[in-house]
Amino acid sequence: MVPAGRTGQDASGPRLTAAELGRALLARQHLLAPGDPREGGPDALPPGGADGAGGADGGERVVAEVRHLVGLQSQVPTSPYAGLWSRLPGFATGHLGDRLLDRSLVRVATLRGTVHLVTADDAFELSALARPTLAAHLRARNEHGAALADVDLDDLAETARDLLTEPLTSVELGRRLAARWPAVDPKHLAYGARCLLPLVQVPPRGLWGASGPGTTTTWTTAHAWLGEPHHRSGDEIEAVASASDPEAVLAARVRLVRRYLAAFGPATVADVQRWSGLTRLRAAVDVLRPELVTATDDAGRELLDLPGAPRPTGDVPVPVVLVADFDNLVLAHDDRTRVLGTVAVKQVVSVNGQVAATVLVDGRVAGTWTWRVGREGDDAVARVDVRPLRPATAPPAPPVADGTGRPPADRLGDPDVRDEVVARAEDWLRVAAPDARRRVVVHD
């Protein structure tokens, strides 16, 4: 265990290496030792069965994990399934699907205005924290701001709230709002409503394997879907959303920073701002500082952390990890080298914002992986393709924890690493497509 560092206002503390920071992140993301779900053990979820049905204990573990991670990105509805599978031994698709149906988890735009899978309570507080930034976006010089320039945003929010007591698609919401503002393109009115209100995407969208009628993105308000928030008063949530009470806003930001450090630390102030999409978080950090410990990274930057959080040494063995697409793990820091190493962000994130599923070897991105189900004759075949990902340019490779100095992508060809990749990929296919034949291809 790496020393905890110093508390309070003293910014000095131990220097943490890249390997130590990477292992701390994996430990807090529950990826350092995911284990073999087929072996059971105290951390394994109850079996989900071939049909992916969820159990009560499995569902409780899923809710707890989503809460710990402060949500999982879910603009692609299937992404959280792979994200939870990678962290929870024995995960079955029904463990998540059932929690969407019983409304203990929801898909809603929160931090950075991005759709996340979050707990019911976080649907209110996290979206409230993001609301001032999203409202400001509607008054900025952009396509939506220009279209909504003559629309009273409070009036728009109130009108949309009344309409969305029943679930509506974006198209239908825009059409109904246009009855009030006929001179405005309905798509901009619907977009404005999504920025101004906590809107839940209702099932069956988000359920594993759901397709066809009813799976079009359909919205209702968090209040209509969940009732009133339980952990905070409605007035407090509204004060944060409207930024009308500085003390309530600061308290909510302090809670957010503390949770970020528990799931993603140690980290700089810039890291938490990048992850959250919020600015001016130093005030929240200053409130927390007396209870935090500090360290520095190899560049001399101050790192903040919770005193009891795990900080493994840099030589702790790290399993191969198959990281889901859009997983916050990859891009949750301002310094993306913690996971990407020498791989450039643009090699993982496309120009239109698609975040690739990645393979980690020794805690660094070594490649990408994709999966699909096709047919060969009468048989369904589920296939994973793993492709190495090397830096677009070739800087000298820094030494890695195993002492080889070899880039992670090159290690995908090692028999033991390849076997571990194949085993993990096959396990995902057992969860994702239990009735299909499985095939894993690791490309050179």
Protein backbone atom coordinates (compact mmCIF):
# COMPACT_ATOMS: atom_id res chain seq x y z
CA MET A 1 0.00 0.00 0.00
CA VAL A 2 1.37 3.37 -1.02
CA PRO A 3 1.59 5.84 1.91
CA ALA A 4 -1.45 8.05 2.28
CA GLY A 5 0.37 11.36 2.11
CA ARG A 6 -0.34 14.41 4.23
CA THR A 7 -3.60 16.01 5.23
CA GLY A 8 -4.91 19.54 5.36
CA GLN A 9 -3.29 22.53 3.70
CA ASP A 10 0.15 20.91 3.24
CA ALA A 11 0.41 20.15 -0.49
CA SER A 12 3.52 18.01 -0.06
CA GLY A 13 3.31 14.24 0.04
CA PRO A 14 4.65 11.12 -1.59
CA ARG A 15 5.21 11.01 -5.33
CA LEU A 16 3.00 8.42 -7.03
CA THR A 17 4.28 6.75 -10.17
CA ALA A 18 2.16 6.16 -13.26
CA ALA A 19 1.93 2.47 -12.33
CA GLU A 20 0.72 3.32 -8.82
CA LEU A 21 -1.88 5.76 -10.12
CA GLY A 22 -3.14 3.24 -12.66
CA ARG A 23 -3.49 0.54 -10.05
CA ALA A 24 -5.27 2.89 -7.65
CA LEU A 25 -7.75 3.71 -10.40
CA LEU A 26 -8.35 0.05 -11.27
CA ALA A 27 -8.80 -0.85 -7.61
CA ARG A 28 -11.43 1.83 -7.10
CA GLN A 29 -13.17 0.85 -10.32
CA HIS A 30 -13.30 -2.75 -9.05
CA LEU A 31 -11.19 -3.86 -12.01
CA LEU A 32 -7.97 -4.82 -10.29
CA ALA A 33 -9.15 -8.32 -9.46
CA PRO A 34 -12.54 -8.99 -11.08
CA GLY A 35 -12.17 -12.73 -10.51
CA ASP A 36 -13.67 -15.63 -12.39
CA PRO A 37 -17.49 -15.59 -12.11
CA ARG A 38 -17.59 -19.32 -12.80
CA GLU A 39 -15.59 -19.92 -9.62
CA GLY A 40 -18.08 -18.11 -7.41
CA GLY A 41 -16.62 -16.80 -4.17
CA PRO A 42 -17.83 -14.12 -1.79
CA ASP A 43 -17.87 -11.38 -4.42
CA ALA A 44 -19.68 -13.31 -7.13
CA LEU A 45 -23.24 -12.36 -8.02
CA PRO A 46 -25.91 -15.06 -7.93
CA PRO A 47 -26.27 -16.89 -11.24
CA GLY A 48 -28.50 -15.11 -13.71
CA GLY A 49 -29.52 -18.20 -15.62
CA ALA A 50 -29.40 -18.73 -19.34
CA ASP A 51 -32.16 -16.22 -19.93
CA GLY A 52 -30.28 -13.51 -18.04
CA ALA A 53 -32.94 -13.24 -15.33
CA GLY A 54 -31.85 -11.12 -12.41
CA GLY A 55 -31.87 -12.00 -8.73
CA ALA A 56 -32.54 -9.72 -5.78
CA ASP A 57 -28.97 -9.92 -4.46
CA GLY A 58 -27.54 -9.40 -7.95
CA GLY A 59 -29.74 -6.38 -8.46
CA GLU A 60 -28.65 -4.87 -5.15
CA ARG A 61 -24.99 -5.30 -6.10
CA VAL A 62 -25.67 -3.63 -9.45
CA VAL A 63 -27.36 -0.63 -7.83
CA ALA A 64 -24.51 -0.30 -5.33
CA GLU A 65 -21.93 -0.45 -8.14
CA VAL A 66 -23.73 2.17 -10.22
CA ARG A 67 -23.90 4.43 -7.16
CA HIS A 68 -20.19 3.93 -6.40
CA LEU A 69 -19.18 4.73 -9.99
CA VAL A 70 -21.37 7.89 -9.95
CA GLY A 71 -23.17 6.43 -12.95
CA LEU A 72 -22.10 4.80 -16.21
CA GLN A 73 -22.34 6.47 -19.59
CA SER A 74 -25.38 5.14 -21.42
CA GLN A 75 -25.96 7.07 -24.61
CA VAL A 76 -25.57 3.62 -26.17
CA PRO A 77 -28.06 1.59 -24.09
CA THR A 78 -25.95 -1.60 -24.09
CA SER A 79 -22.74 0.02 -22.81
CA PRO A 80 -23.50 -0.25 -19.06
CA TYR A 81 -24.12 -3.98 -19.39
CA ALA A 82 -20.54 -4.59 -20.48
CA GLY A 83 -19.30 -2.04 -17.96
CA LEU A 84 -20.99 -3.84 -15.08
CA TRP A 85 -19.98 -7.29 -16.36
CA SER A 86 -16.32 -6.22 -16.31
CA ARG A 87 -16.60 -5.26 -12.63
CA LEU A 88 -19.09 -7.70 -11.08
CA PRO A 89 -18.33 -11.42 -11.19
CA GLY A 90 -21.45 -13.40 -12.11
CA PHE A 91 -23.24 -10.44 -13.66
CA ALA A 92 -26.27 -11.28 -15.82
CA THR A 93 -28.15 -8.92 -18.08
CA GLY A 94 -31.30 -9.31 -16.00
CA HIS A 95 -29.52 -7.91 -12.96
CA LEU A 96 -29.56 -4.53 -14.70
CA GLY A 97 -32.74 -4.91 -16.72
CA ASP A 98 -34.83 -5.64 -13.65
CA ARG A 99 -33.50 -2.55 -11.92
CA LEU A 100 -34.57 -0.41 -14.86
CA LEU A 101 -38.03 -1.92 -14.67
CA ASP A 102 -38.40 -1.39 -10.93
CA ARG A 103 -37.05 2.17 -11.36
CA SER A 104 -34.18 1.86 -8.89
CA LEU A 105 -31.92 2.73 -11.86
CA VAL A 106 -32.70 5.14 -14.69
CA ARG A 107 -31.09 6.54 -17.83
CA VAL A 108 -30.99 10.33 -17.73
CA ALA A 109 -28.76 13.17 -18.92
CA THR A 110 -26.50 14.20 -16.04
CA LEU A 111 -22.85 15.25 -16.01
CA ARG A 112 -21.61 16.93 -19.18
CA GLY A 113 -25.18 16.69 -20.47
CA THR A 114 -24.49 13.04 -21.32
CA VAL A 115 -26.98 10.22 -20.78
CA HIS A 116 -25.86 8.13 -17.82
CA LEU A 117 -27.25 5.12 -16.03
CA VAL A 118 -27.68 6.34 -12.44
CA THR A 119 -29.55 5.54 -9.25
CA ALA A 120 -32.92 7.14 -8.64
CA ASP A 121 -31.50 9.64 -6.14
CA ASP A 122 -28.62 10.59 -8.44
CA ALA A 123 -31.08 11.25 -11.25
CA PHE A 124 -32.12 14.35 -9.32
CA GLU A 125 -28.87 15.64 -7.82
CA LEU A 126 -26.48 14.95 -10.71
CA SER A 127 -28.82 16.42 -13.29
CA ALA A 128 -29.37 19.45 -11.03
CA LEU A 129 -25.61 20.05 -10.88
CA ALA A 130 -25.41 20.02 -14.68
CA ARG A 131 -28.50 22.18 -15.27
CA PRO A 132 -26.93 25.68 -15.03
CA THR A 133 -24.29 24.75 -17.63
CA LEU A 134 -26.91 23.26 -19.95
CA ALA A 135 -29.19 26.29 -19.56
CA ALA A 136 -26.27 28.59 -20.36
CA HIS A 137 -25.65 26.53 -23.50
CA LEU A 138 -29.15 27.42 -24.66
CA ARG A 139 -28.26 31.10 -24.46
CA ALA A 140 -24.90 30.75 -26.16
CA ARG A 141 -24.04 31.42 -29.80
CA ASN A 142 -24.90 28.06 -31.27
CA GLU A 143 -27.60 26.52 -33.41
CA HIS A 144 -29.97 25.89 -30.51
CA GLY A 145 -29.30 29.23 -28.83
CA ALA A 146 -30.12 31.10 -32.03
CA ALA A 147 -33.35 29.15 -32.54
CA LEU A 148 -34.49 29.69 -28.95
CA ALA A 149 -33.40 33.34 -28.66
CA ASP A 150 -36.99 34.61 -28.38
CA VAL A 151 -38.26 31.77 -26.17
CA ASP A 152 -38.60 32.29 -22.44
CA LEU A 153 -36.71 29.29 -21.06
CA ASP A 154 -38.67 29.17 -17.82
CA ASP A 155 -41.88 29.08 -19.84
CA LEU A 156 -40.43 26.33 -22.05
CA ALA A 157 -39.45 24.24 -19.03
CA GLU A 158 -42.87 24.62 -17.42
CA THR A 159 -44.74 23.79 -20.62
CA ALA A 160 -42.58 20.73 -21.27
CA ARG A 161 -42.97 19.57 -17.68
CA ASP A 162 -46.74 19.62 -18.04
CA LEU A 163 -46.61 17.72 -21.33
CA LEU A 164 -44.22 15.09 -20.03
CA THR A 165 -46.40 13.79 -17.26
CA GLU A 166 -46.85 11.04 -19.87
CA PRO A 167 -43.90 9.61 -21.82
CA LEU A 168 -43.34 11.19 -25.24
CA THR A 169 -40.82 10.69 -28.02
CA SER A 170 -38.60 13.62 -28.95
CA VAL A 171 -40.56 14.11 -32.15
CA GLU A 172 -43.92 14.16 -30.35
CA LEU A 173 -42.60 16.43 -27.61
CA GLY A 174 -41.30 18.90 -30.17
CA ARG A 175 -44.58 18.78 -32.09
CA ARG A 176 -46.62 19.57 -28.99
CA LEU A 177 -44.27 22.35 -27.90
CA ALA A 178 -44.52 23.88 -31.37
CA ALA A 179 -48.21 24.49 -30.74
CA ARG A 180 -47.03 27.08 -28.18
CA TRP A 181 -44.08 28.37 -30.26
CA PRO A 182 -45.06 27.77 -33.91
CA ALA A 183 -42.21 29.89 -35.29
CA VAL A 184 -39.53 27.65 -33.73
CA ASP A 185 -38.32 24.38 -35.22
CA PRO A 186 -39.74 21.59 -33.00
CA LYS A 187 -36.35 19.85 -32.73
CA HIS A 188 -34.88 22.89 -30.96
CA LEU A 189 -37.82 23.07 -28.56
CA ALA A 190 -37.41 19.39 -27.66
CA TYR A 191 -33.66 19.85 -27.22
CA GLY A 192 -34.26 22.81 -24.96
CA ALA A 193 -36.62 20.77 -22.80
CA ARG A 194 -33.98 18.06 -22.42
CA CYS A 195 -31.48 20.66 -21.20
CA LEU A 196 -33.87 22.31 -18.75
CA LEU A 197 -35.50 19.27 -17.14
CA PRO A 198 -34.26 15.94 -15.73
CA LEU A 199 -35.76 13.68 -18.41
CA VAL A 200 -35.68 9.91 -18.01
CA GLN A 201 -35.53 7.56 -20.99
CA VAL A 202 -38.18 4.99 -20.14
CA PRO A 203 -38.03 1.23 -20.80
CA PRO A 204 -38.21 -0.87 -22.86
CA ARG A 205 -35.38 1.24 -24.29
CA GLY A 206 -32.30 0.25 -22.32
CA LEU A 207 -33.38 -3.35 -21.72
CA TRP A 208 -31.04 -6.01 -23.03
CA GLY A 209 -32.14 -7.27 -26.43
CA ALA A 210 -35.08 -4.89 -26.69
CA SER A 211 -35.96 -3.95 -30.25
CA GLY A 212 -38.90 -3.00 -32.41
CA PRO A 213 -42.01 -1.04 -31.33
CA GLY A 214 -41.64 0.85 -28.09
CA THR A 215 -37.86 1.12 -28.14
CA THR A 216 -37.74 4.57 -29.73
CA THR A 217 -36.24 7.04 -27.28
CA THR A 218 -39.16 8.11 -25.10
CA TRP A 219 -38.95 10.67 -22.29
CA THR A 220 -40.74 11.62 -19.13
CA THR A 221 -39.66 13.75 -16.19
CA ALA A 222 -37.76 12.24 -13.28
CA HIS A 223 -40.53 13.42 -10.97
CA ALA A 224 -43.22 11.70 -13.05
CA TRP A 225 -41.21 8.46 -13.22
CA LEU A 226 -39.70 8.37 -9.73
CA GLY A 227 -41.83 10.63 -7.55
CA GLU A 228 -40.13 13.07 -5.21
CA PRO A 229 -36.40 12.70 -4.34
CA HIS A 230 -35.77 10.92 -1.06
CA HIS A 231 -32.22 11.90 -0.08
CA ARG A 232 -32.67 15.66 -0.51
CA SER A 233 -35.70 17.92 -0.43
CA GLY A 234 -37.23 19.03 -3.67
CA ASP A 235 -36.50 22.63 -2.72
CA GLU A 236 -32.80 21.86 -2.22
CA ILE A 237 -32.58 20.07 -5.58
CA GLU A 238 -34.27 23.01 -7.30
CA ALA A 239 -31.92 25.47 -5.58
CA VAL A 240 -28.95 23.56 -7.03
CA ALA A 241 -30.54 23.31 -10.48
CA SER A 242 -31.30 27.03 -10.62
CA ALA A 243 -28.05 28.01 -8.86
CA SER A 244 -30.20 30.22 -6.61
CA ASP A 245 -28.63 29.10 -3.31
CA PRO A 246 -24.81 29.24 -3.28
CA GLU A 247 -24.57 27.19 -0.08
CA ALA A 248 -26.71 24.38 -1.53
CA VAL A 249 -24.67 24.40 -4.74
CA LEU A 250 -21.39 24.26 -2.83
CA ALA A 251 -22.60 21.42 -0.62
CA ALA A 252 -23.67 19.41 -3.68
CA ARG A 253 -20.32 20.03 -5.36
CA VAL A 254 -18.46 18.92 -2.24
CA ARG A 255 -20.41 15.66 -2.25
CA LEU A 256 -19.60 15.19 -5.93
CA VAL A 257 -15.86 15.74 -5.50
CA ARG A 258 -15.75 13.31 -2.57
CA ARG A 259 -17.51 10.63 -4.62
CA TYR A 260 -15.25 11.25 -7.61
CA LEU A 261 -12.15 10.68 -5.51
CA ALA A 262 -13.60 7.46 -4.11
CA ALA A 263 -14.15 6.08 -7.62
CA PHE A 264 -11.41 7.78 -9.70
CA GLY A 265 -8.75 9.17 -7.37
CA PRO A 266 -6.10 10.19 -6.63
CA ALA A 267 -6.74 13.17 -8.87
CA THR A 268 -6.12 16.84 -9.54
CA VAL A 269 -8.73 19.58 -9.52
CA ALA A 270 -8.45 19.65 -13.32
CA ASP A 271 -9.25 15.93 -13.41
CA VAL A 272 -12.54 16.24 -11.55
CA GLN A 273 -13.51 19.28 -13.64
CA ARG A 274 -12.84 17.37 -16.86
CA TRP A 275 -14.91 14.38 -15.70
CA SER A 276 -17.83 16.40 -14.36
CA GLY A 277 -18.00 19.12 -16.98
CA LEU A 278 -18.17 21.66 -14.13
CA THR A 279 -15.85 24.62 -13.61
CA ARG A 280 -14.64 26.46 -10.51
CA LEU A 281 -14.53 23.35 -8.34
CA ARG A 282 -11.58 24.57 -6.33
CA ALA A 283 -13.97 26.08 -3.76
CA ALA A 284 -15.45 22.63 -3.16
CA VAL A 285 -11.97 21.15 -2.90
CA ASP A 286 -11.00 23.80 -0.36
CA VAL A 287 -13.96 22.79 1.82
CA LEU A 288 -12.86 19.16 1.60
CA ARG A 289 -9.14 19.78 1.95
CA PRO A 290 -8.89 19.29 5.75
CA GLU A 291 -10.13 15.71 5.36
CA LEU A 292 -8.04 14.88 2.26
CA VAL A 293 -4.50 13.62 1.81
CA THR A 294 -2.17 14.85 -0.89
CA ALA A 295 0.53 13.47 -3.13
CA THR A 296 2.17 14.44 -6.40
CA ASP A 297 2.47 12.75 -9.77
CA ASP A 298 5.58 12.39 -11.93
CA ALA A 299 4.98 15.89 -13.34
CA GLY A 300 4.82 17.42 -9.85
CA ARG A 301 1.07 18.09 -9.93
CA GLU A 302 -0.82 17.99 -6.65
CA LEU A 303 -3.04 14.95 -6.28
CA LEU A 304 -5.95 14.90 -3.86
CA ASP A 305 -7.32 11.78 -2.27
CA LEU A 306 -9.42 10.27 0.49
CA PRO A 307 -7.26 8.98 3.34
CA GLY A 308 -8.67 5.46 3.44
CA ALA A 309 -8.88 4.83 -0.31
CA PRO A 310 -6.86 1.97 -1.84
CA ARG A 311 -3.45 2.84 -3.28
CA PRO A 312 -1.74 -0.40 -4.32
CA THR A 313 1.97 -0.46 -5.04
CA GLY A 314 3.08 -0.28 -8.65
CA ASP A 315 4.15 -3.93 -8.80
CA VAL A 316 0.74 -5.41 -7.91
CA PRO A 317 -0.29 -7.82 -10.70
CA VAL A 318 -3.03 -6.49 -12.98
CA PRO A 319 -5.44 -8.74 -14.89
CA VAL A 320 -6.39 -8.18 -18.50
CA VAL A 321 -9.47 -5.95 -18.56
CA LEU A 322 -12.04 -5.64 -21.31
CA VAL A 323 -13.39 -2.11 -20.84
CA ALA A 324 -16.83 -1.27 -22.22
CA ASP A 325 -17.41 1.31 -24.91
CA PHE A 326 -18.06 4.79 -23.46
CA ASP A 327 -16.64 3.69 -20.09
CA ASN A 328 -15.76 6.68 -17.94
CA LEU A 329 -12.61 4.86 -16.82
CA VAL A 330 -10.80 5.82 -20.02
CA LEU A 331 -11.55 9.55 -20.12
CA ALA A 332 -12.25 10.50 -16.49
CA HIS A 333 -9.06 12.53 -16.02
CA ASP A 334 -7.59 15.62 -17.56
CA ASP A 335 -4.35 13.65 -17.82
CA ARG A 336 -5.55 10.80 -20.03
CA THR A 337 -2.16 9.01 -19.99
CA ARG A 338 -3.18 7.25 -16.78
CA VAL A 339 -5.05 4.70 -18.91
CA LEU A 340 -4.21 5.58 -22.50
CA GLY A 341 -0.44 5.71 -22.01
CA THR A 342 1.06 6.88 -25.32
CA VAL A 343 -2.14 6.17 -27.28
CA ALA A 344 -3.74 9.41 -28.45
CA VAL A 345 -7.29 10.28 -27.41
CA LYS A 346 -8.36 10.51 -31.06
CA GLN A 347 -7.41 6.85 -31.50
CA VAL A 348 -10.06 5.90 -28.94
CA VAL A 349 -12.63 8.67 -29.42
CA SER A 350 -13.94 9.26 -32.94
CA VAL A 351 -14.66 12.68 -34.43
CA ASN A 352 -18.37 12.23 -33.65
CA GLY A 353 -17.70 11.29 -30.03
CA GLN A 354 -17.90 7.49 -30.19
CA VAL A 355 -15.69 5.97 -27.47
CA ALA A 356 -14.25 2.56 -28.36
CA ALA A 357 -14.27 -0.46 -26.09
CA THR A 358 -10.68 -1.07 -25.07
CA VAL A 359 -8.43 -3.86 -23.81
CA LEU A 360 -6.10 -3.06 -20.93
CA VAL A 361 -2.84 -4.93 -20.42
CA ASP A 362 -0.96 -4.03 -17.25
CA GLY A 363 -3.53 -1.25 -16.77
CA ARG A 364 -2.86 0.54 -20.08
CA VAL A 365 -4.78 0.50 -23.35
CA ALA A 366 -3.36 -2.24 -25.57
CA GLY A 367 -6.15 -2.57 -28.11
CA THR A 368 -9.83 -2.29 -28.91
CA TRP A 369 -12.53 -4.93 -28.95
CA THR A 370 -15.88 -5.27 -30.68
CA TRP A 371 -18.52 -7.96 -30.60
CA ARG A 372 -21.44 -9.01 -32.74
CA VAL A 373 -23.81 -11.90 -33.31
CA GLY A 374 -24.21 -13.34 -36.80
CA ARG A 375 -25.40 -16.53 -38.39
CA GLU A 376 -23.56 -19.44 -39.93
CA GLY A 377 -26.15 -21.69 -41.48
CA ASP A 378 -28.68 -22.48 -38.81
CA ASP A 379 -26.38 -21.45 -35.94
CA ALA A 380 -26.02 -18.14 -34.16
CA VAL A 381 -22.36 -17.25 -33.71
CA ALA A 382 -21.22 -14.59 -31.24
CA ARG A 383 -17.82 -13.17 -32.05
CA VAL A 384 -15.33 -10.86 -30.37
CA ASP A 385 -12.57 -9.23 -32.40
CA VAL A 386 -9.56 -7.80 -30.56
CA ARG A 387 -7.20 -5.49 -32.43
CA PRO A 388 -3.95 -4.02 -31.09
CA LEU A 389 -3.83 -0.26 -30.74
CA ARG A 390 -0.40 1.29 -31.16
CA PRO A 391 0.41 4.99 -30.88
CA ALA A 392 -0.07 6.91 -34.12
CA THR A 393 3.45 8.22 -33.52
CA ALA A 394 6.14 6.12 -31.95
CA PRO A 395 7.68 7.85 -28.93
CA PRO A 396 10.09 5.84 -26.80
CA ALA A 397 8.03 3.44 -24.70
CA PRO A 398 8.27 4.15 -20.96
CA PRO A 399 9.12 1.19 -18.76
CA VAL A 400 6.10 -0.78 -17.58
CA ALA A 401 5.58 -2.51 -14.28
CA ASP A 402 6.63 -5.94 -15.50
CA GLY A 403 10.04 -4.56 -16.47
CA THR A 404 9.79 -5.48 -20.16
CA GLY A 405 9.52 -1.92 -21.44
CA ARG A 406 7.35 -3.26 -24.27
CA PRO A 407 4.24 -1.35 -25.40
CA PRO A 408 0.99 -2.92 -24.16
CA ALA A 409 -0.16 -3.62 -27.75
CA ASP A 410 2.88 -5.82 -28.36
CA ARG A 411 2.06 -7.91 -25.32
CA LEU A 412 -1.27 -8.98 -26.83
CA GLY A 413 0.77 -11.51 -28.80
CA ASP A 414 2.19 -13.16 -25.67
CA PRO A 415 0.54 -16.56 -25.22
CA ASP A 416 -0.38 -15.99 -21.57
CA VAL A 417 -1.86 -12.54 -22.29
CA ARG A 418 -3.69 -13.81 -25.36
CA ASP A 419 -5.17 -16.67 -23.35
CA GLU A 420 -6.39 -14.23 -20.71
CA VAL A 421 -7.94 -11.98 -23.36
CA VAL A 422 -9.72 -14.94 -24.95
CA ALA A 423 -11.02 -16.16 -21.58
CA ARG A 424 -12.44 -12.77 -20.70
CA ALA A 425 -13.99 -12.33 -24.15
CA GLU A 426 -15.60 -15.76 -24.02
CA ASP A 427 -17.05 -14.94 -20.62
CA TRP A 428 -18.61 -11.77 -22.01
CA LEU A 429 -20.18 -13.76 -24.85
CA ARG A 430 -21.67 -16.19 -22.33
CA VAL A 431 -23.45 -13.21 -20.78
CA ALA A 432 -24.31 -11.33 -23.96
CA ALA A 433 -25.35 -14.23 -26.19
CA PRO A 434 -25.68 -17.37 -24.05
CA ASP A 435 -27.30 -19.49 -26.79
CA ALA A 436 -24.77 -18.70 -29.51
CA ARG A 437 -21.54 -20.44 -30.41
CA ARG A 438 -18.58 -18.36 -29.27
CA ARG A 439 -15.59 -17.23 -31.29
CA VAL A 440 -12.76 -14.88 -30.27
CA VAL A 441 -10.21 -13.55 -32.75
CA VAL A 442 -7.13 -11.69 -31.52
CA HIS A 443 -5.65 -9.93 -34.53
CA ASP A 444 -1.93 -9.27 -34.95
